[in-house]
């Protein structure tokens, strides 16, 4: 059968823990609507890449070792690493969605605050004639 070396198992375990952490944190970020948690997940990209690249390099080195079932083990180990990358990708997408939603909220609140401030700064004039009552030279130009 296929044997996975202890060194490869340890490297995959570390990647597994970091990816599981990112999924759990992304889901907590959704539950708590936390931009800070979401940003932590996004920031983990470098470490996830470092861990998975290190495993890829290790697997490439082991591929040249003369062992039975080496090619089968390489395929399985490579698939495992690729699946962890995909899982992290979706955790990161969840986190980015939270970050984008937060940015939209801030932008909307910012525009609402500006509009509210503008309305407060503009004096209300009850005696301003309606647009159709203005002389032609004071009317707003037509938009073409």
C-alpha atoms as a PDB file:
ATOM      1  CA  UNK A   1       0.000   0.000   0.000  1.00  0.00           C
ATOM      2  CA  UNK A   2       0.824   3.662  -0.110  1.00  0.00           C
ATOM      3  CA  UNK A   3       2.927   4.953   2.785  1.00  0.00           C
ATOM      4  CA  UNK A   4       3.093   8.655   3.660  1.00  0.00           C
ATOM      5  CA  UNK A   5       6.318   9.605   5.403  1.00  0.00           C
ATOM      6  CA  UNK A   6       6.294  11.041   8.921  1.00  0.00           C
ATOM      7  CA  UNK A   7       7.819  14.305   7.647  1.00  0.00           C
ATOM      8  CA  UNK A   8       5.100  14.677   5.008  1.00  0.00           C
ATOM      9  CA  UNK A   9       2.398  13.827   7.547  1.00  0.00           C
ATOM     10  CA  UNK A  10       3.713  16.538   9.888  1.00  0.00           C
ATOM     11  CA  UNK A  11       3.821  19.142   7.117  1.00  0.00           C
ATOM     12  CA  UNK A  12       0.282  18.273   6.025  1.00  0.00           C
ATOM     13  CA  UNK A  13      -0.891  18.374   9.660  1.00  0.00           C
ATOM     14  CA  UNK A  14       0.391  21.953   9.994  1.00  0.00           C
ATOM     15  CA  UNK A  15      -1.396  22.979   6.793  1.00  0.00           C
ATOM     16  CA  UNK A  16      -4.540  21.185   7.992  1.00  0.00           C
ATOM     17  CA  UNK A  17      -4.530  23.085  11.293  1.00  0.00           C
ATOM     18  CA  UNK A  18      -4.053  26.480   9.622  1.00  0.00           C
ATOM     19  CA  UNK A  19      -6.761  25.832   7.029  1.00  0.00           C
ATOM     20  CA  UNK A  20      -9.219  24.579   9.681  1.00  0.00           C
ATOM     21  CA  UNK A  21      -8.429  27.662  11.765  1.00  0.00           C
ATOM     22  CA  UNK A  22      -9.169  29.918   8.773  1.00  0.00           C
ATOM     23  CA  UNK A  23     -12.518  28.224   8.074  1.00  0.00           C
ATOM     24  CA  UNK A  24     -13.560  28.432  11.729  1.00  0.00           C
ATOM     25  CA  UNK A  25     -12.515  32.086  11.940  1.00  0.00           C
ATOM     26  CA  UNK A  26     -14.304  32.960   8.686  1.00  0.00           C
ATOM     27  CA  UNK A  27     -17.505  31.420  10.036  1.00  0.00           C
ATOM     28  CA  UNK A  28     -17.086  33.250  13.350  1.00  0.00           C
ATOM     29  CA  UNK A  29     -16.562  36.465  11.395  1.00  0.00           C
ATOM     30  CA  UNK A  30     -19.931  35.872   9.729  1.00  0.00           C
ATOM     31  CA  UNK A  31     -21.626  35.092  13.051  1.00  0.00           C
ATOM     32  CA  UNK A  32     -20.181  38.170  14.757  1.00  0.00           C
ATOM     33  CA  UNK A  33     -20.078  40.405  11.668  1.00  0.00           C
ATOM     34  CA  UNK A  34     -16.422  41.008  12.514  1.00  0.00           C
ATOM     35  CA  UNK A  35     -14.203  42.761  10.007  1.00  0.00           C
ATOM     36  CA  UNK A  36     -11.197  42.109  12.272  1.00  0.00           C
ATOM     37  CA  UNK A  37     -11.725  38.348  12.138  1.00  0.00           C
ATOM     38  CA  UNK A  38     -12.269  38.519   8.381  1.00  0.00           C
ATOM     39  CA  UNK A  39      -9.017  40.436   7.927  1.00  0.00           C
ATOM     40  CA  UNK A  40      -7.151  37.794   9.949  1.00  0.00           C
ATOM     41  CA  UNK A  41      -8.392  35.122   7.553  1.00  0.00           C
ATOM     42  CA  UNK A  42      -7.347  37.192   4.540  1.00  0.00           C
ATOM     43  CA  UNK A  43      -3.948  37.885   6.109  1.00  0.00           C
ATOM     44  CA  UNK A  44      -3.335  34.139   6.554  1.00  0.00           C
ATOM     45  CA  UNK A  45      -2.843  33.782   2.789  1.00  0.00           C
ATOM     46  CA  UNK A  46       0.920  34.190   3.071  1.00  0.00           C
ATOM     47  CA  UNK A  47       1.265  31.478   5.686  1.00  0.00           C
ATOM     48  CA  UNK A  48      -1.073  29.109   3.827  1.00  0.00           C
ATOM     49  CA  UNK A  49       0.979  29.621   0.659  1.00  0.00           C
ATOM     50  CA  UNK A  50       4.239  29.150   2.539  1.00  0.00           C
ATOM     51  CA  UNK A  51       3.048  25.897   4.125  1.00  0.00           C
ATOM     52  CA  UNK A  52       1.614  24.458   0.914  1.00  0.00           C
ATOM     53  CA  UNK A  53       4.644  25.509  -1.173  1.00  0.00           C
ATOM     54  CA  UNK A  54       6.965  23.875   1.365  1.00  0.00           C
ATOM     55  CA  UNK A  55       4.984  20.642   1.076  1.00  0.00           C
ATOM     56  CA  UNK A  56       5.093  20.833  -2.729  1.00  0.00           C
ATOM     57  CA  UNK A  57       8.888  21.222  -2.614  1.00  0.00           C
ATOM     58  CA  UNK A  58       9.186  18.340  -0.158  1.00  0.00           C
ATOM     59  CA  UNK A  59       7.003  16.126  -2.361  1.00  0.00           C
ATOM     60  CA  UNK A  60       9.035  16.979  -5.460  1.00  0.00           C
ATOM     61  CA  UNK A  61      12.229  15.964  -3.652  1.00  0.00           C
ATOM     62  CA  UNK A  62      10.666  12.708  -2.465  1.00  0.00           C
ATOM     63  CA  UNK A  63       9.432  11.914  -5.966  1.00  0.00           C
ATOM     64  CA  UNK A  64      12.990  11.045  -7.056  1.00  0.00           C
ATOM     65  CA  UNK A  65      13.499   8.643  -4.133  1.00  0.00           C
ATOM     66  CA  UNK A  66      13.395   5.015  -5.199  1.00  0.00           C
ATOM     67  CA  UNK A  67      10.505   3.643  -3.151  1.00  0.00           C
ATOM     68  CA  UNK A  68       7.620   1.402  -4.104  1.00  0.00           C
ATOM     69  CA  UNK A  69       4.346   3.250  -4.824  1.00  0.00           C
ATOM     70  CA  UNK A  70       6.187   6.586  -4.779  1.00  0.00           C
ATOM     71  CA  UNK A  71       4.160   7.959  -7.703  1.00  0.00           C
ATOM     72  CA  UNK A  72       0.854   6.903  -6.122  1.00  0.00           C
ATOM     73  CA  UNK A  73       1.857   8.516  -2.823  1.00  0.00           C
ATOM     74  CA  UNK A  74       2.881  11.705  -4.649  1.00  0.00           C
ATOM     75  CA  UNK A  75      -0.517  11.933  -6.378  1.00  0.00           C
ATOM     76  CA  UNK A  76      -2.430  11.427  -3.141  1.00  0.00           C
ATOM     77  CA  UNK A  77      -0.279  13.872  -1.156  1.00  0.00           C
ATOM     78  CA  UNK A  78      -0.466  16.486  -3.921  1.00  0.00           C
ATOM     79  CA  UNK A  79      -4.254  16.122  -4.090  1.00  0.00           C
ATOM     80  CA  UNK A  80      -4.513  16.596  -0.328  1.00  0.00           C
ATOM     81  CA  UNK A  81      -2.465  19.812  -0.489  1.00  0.00           C
ATOM     82  CA  UNK A  82      -4.489  21.124  -3.441  1.00  0.00           C
ATOM     83  CA  UNK A  83      -7.748  20.417  -1.614  1.00  0.00           C
ATOM     84  CA  UNK A  84      -6.522  22.341   1.433  1.00  0.00           C
ATOM     85  CA  UNK A  85      -5.668  25.260  -0.859  1.00  0.00           C
ATOM     86  CA  UNK A  86      -9.195  25.166  -2.265  1.00  0.00           C
ATOM     87  CA  UNK A  87     -10.764  25.036   1.178  1.00  0.00           C
ATOM     88  CA  UNK A  88      -8.720  28.059   2.261  1.00  0.00           C
ATOM     89  CA  UNK A  89      -9.700  29.856  -0.950  1.00  0.00           C
ATOM     90  CA  UNK A  90     -13.371  29.584   0.027  1.00  0.00           C
ATOM     91  CA  UNK A  91     -12.684  30.659   3.620  1.00  0.00           C
ATOM     92  CA  UNK A  92     -10.879  33.693   2.209  1.00  0.00           C
ATOM     93  CA  UNK A  93     -13.802  34.444  -0.139  1.00  0.00           C
ATOM     94  CA  UNK A  94     -16.161  34.415   2.848  1.00  0.00           C
ATOM     95  CA  UNK A  95     -13.819  36.807   4.655  1.00  0.00           C
ATOM     96  CA  UNK A  96     -13.552  39.089   1.619  1.00  0.00           C
ATOM     97  CA  UNK A  97     -17.345  39.195   1.320  1.00  0.00           C
ATOM     98  CA  UNK A  98     -17.533  40.410   4.920  1.00  0.00           C
ATOM     99  CA  UNK A  99     -14.845  43.016   4.245  1.00  0.00           C
ATOM    100  CA  UNK A 100     -16.634  44.223   1.093  1.00  0.00           C
ATOM    101  CA  UNK A 101     -19.957  44.393   2.921  1.00  0.00           C
ATOM    102  CA  UNK A 102     -18.295  46.408   5.678  1.00  0.00           C
ATOM    103  CA  UNK A 103     -16.807  48.789   3.099  1.00  0.00           C
ATOM    104  CA  UNK A 104     -20.206  49.237   1.439  1.00  0.00           C
ATOM    105  CA  UNK A 105     -21.785  49.954   4.818  1.00  0.00           C
ATOM    106  CA  UNK A 106     -19.124  52.522   5.627  1.00  0.00           C
ATOM    107  CA  UNK A 107     -19.526  54.168   2.237  1.00  0.00           C
ATOM    108  CA  UNK A 108     -23.309  54.263   2.594  1.00  0.00           C
ATOM    109  CA  UNK A 109     -23.051  55.638   6.117  1.00  0.00           C
ATOM    110  CA  UNK A 110     -20.502  58.157   4.921  1.00  0.00           C
ATOM    111  CA  UNK A 111     -22.783  59.363   2.123  1.00  0.00           C
ATOM    112  CA  UNK A 112     -25.738  59.440   4.487  1.00  0.00           C
ATOM    113  CA  UNK A 113     -23.733  61.549   6.930  1.00  0.00           C
ATOM    114  CA  UNK A 114     -22.660  63.933   4.147  1.00  0.00           C
ATOM    115  CA  UNK A 115     -26.243  64.249   2.886  1.00  0.00           C
ATOM    116  CA  UNK A 116     -27.523  64.820   6.419  1.00  0.00           C
ATOM    117  CA  UNK A 117     -24.851  67.477   7.053  1.00  0.00           C
ATOM    118  CA  UNK A 118     -25.636  69.152   3.712  1.00  0.00           C
ATOM    119  CA  UNK A 119     -29.339  69.250   4.541  1.00  0.00           C
ATOM    120  CA  UNK A 120     -28.560  70.782   7.935  1.00  0.00           C
ATOM    121  CA  UNK A 121     -26.295  73.442   6.383  1.00  0.00           C
ATOM    122  CA  UNK A 122     -28.729  74.564   3.678  1.00  0.00           C
ATOM    123  CA  UNK A 123     -31.285  76.990   5.095  1.00  0.00           C
ATOM    124  CA  UNK A 124     -34.888  76.165   4.383  1.00  0.00           C
ATOM    125  CA  UNK A 125     -36.450  79.008   2.378  1.00  0.00           C
ATOM    126  CA  UNK A 126     -40.203  78.934   2.299  1.00  0.00           C
ATOM    127  CA  UNK A 127     -40.445  81.893  -0.089  1.00  0.00           C
ATOM    128  CA  UNK A 128     -38.262  80.613  -2.936  1.00  0.00           C
ATOM    129  CA  UNK A 129     -40.341  80.543  -6.105  1.00  0.00           C
ATOM    130  CA  UNK A 130     -40.848  77.237  -7.869  1.00  0.00           C
ATOM    131  CA  UNK A 131     -38.682  76.526 -10.917  1.00  0.00           C
ATOM    132  CA  UNK A 132     -41.418  77.339 -13.430  1.00  0.00           C
ATOM    133  CA  UNK A 133     -41.928  80.774 -11.814  1.00  0.00           C
ATOM    134  CA  UNK A 134     -38.282  81.798 -12.273  1.00  0.00           C
ATOM    135  CA  UNK A 135     -37.332  84.166 -15.071  1.00  0.00           C
ATOM    136  CA  UNK A 136     -35.672  82.339 -17.984  1.00  0.00           C
ATOM    137  CA  UNK A 137     -32.220  83.797 -17.243  1.00  0.00           C
ATOM    138  CA  UNK A 138     -32.340  82.333 -13.666  1.00  0.00           C
ATOM    139  CA  UNK A 139     -33.713  78.932 -14.562  1.00  0.00           C
ATOM    140  CA  UNK A 140     -31.346  75.994 -14.457  1.00  0.00           C
ATOM    141  CA  UNK A 141     -29.898  75.124 -17.851  1.00  0.00           C
ATOM    142  CA  UNK A 142     -31.439  72.163 -19.591  1.00  0.00           C
ATOM    143  CA  UNK A 143     -29.406  68.981 -19.514  1.00  0.00           C
ATOM    144  CA  UNK A 144     -29.007  67.549 -22.978  1.00  0.00           C
END
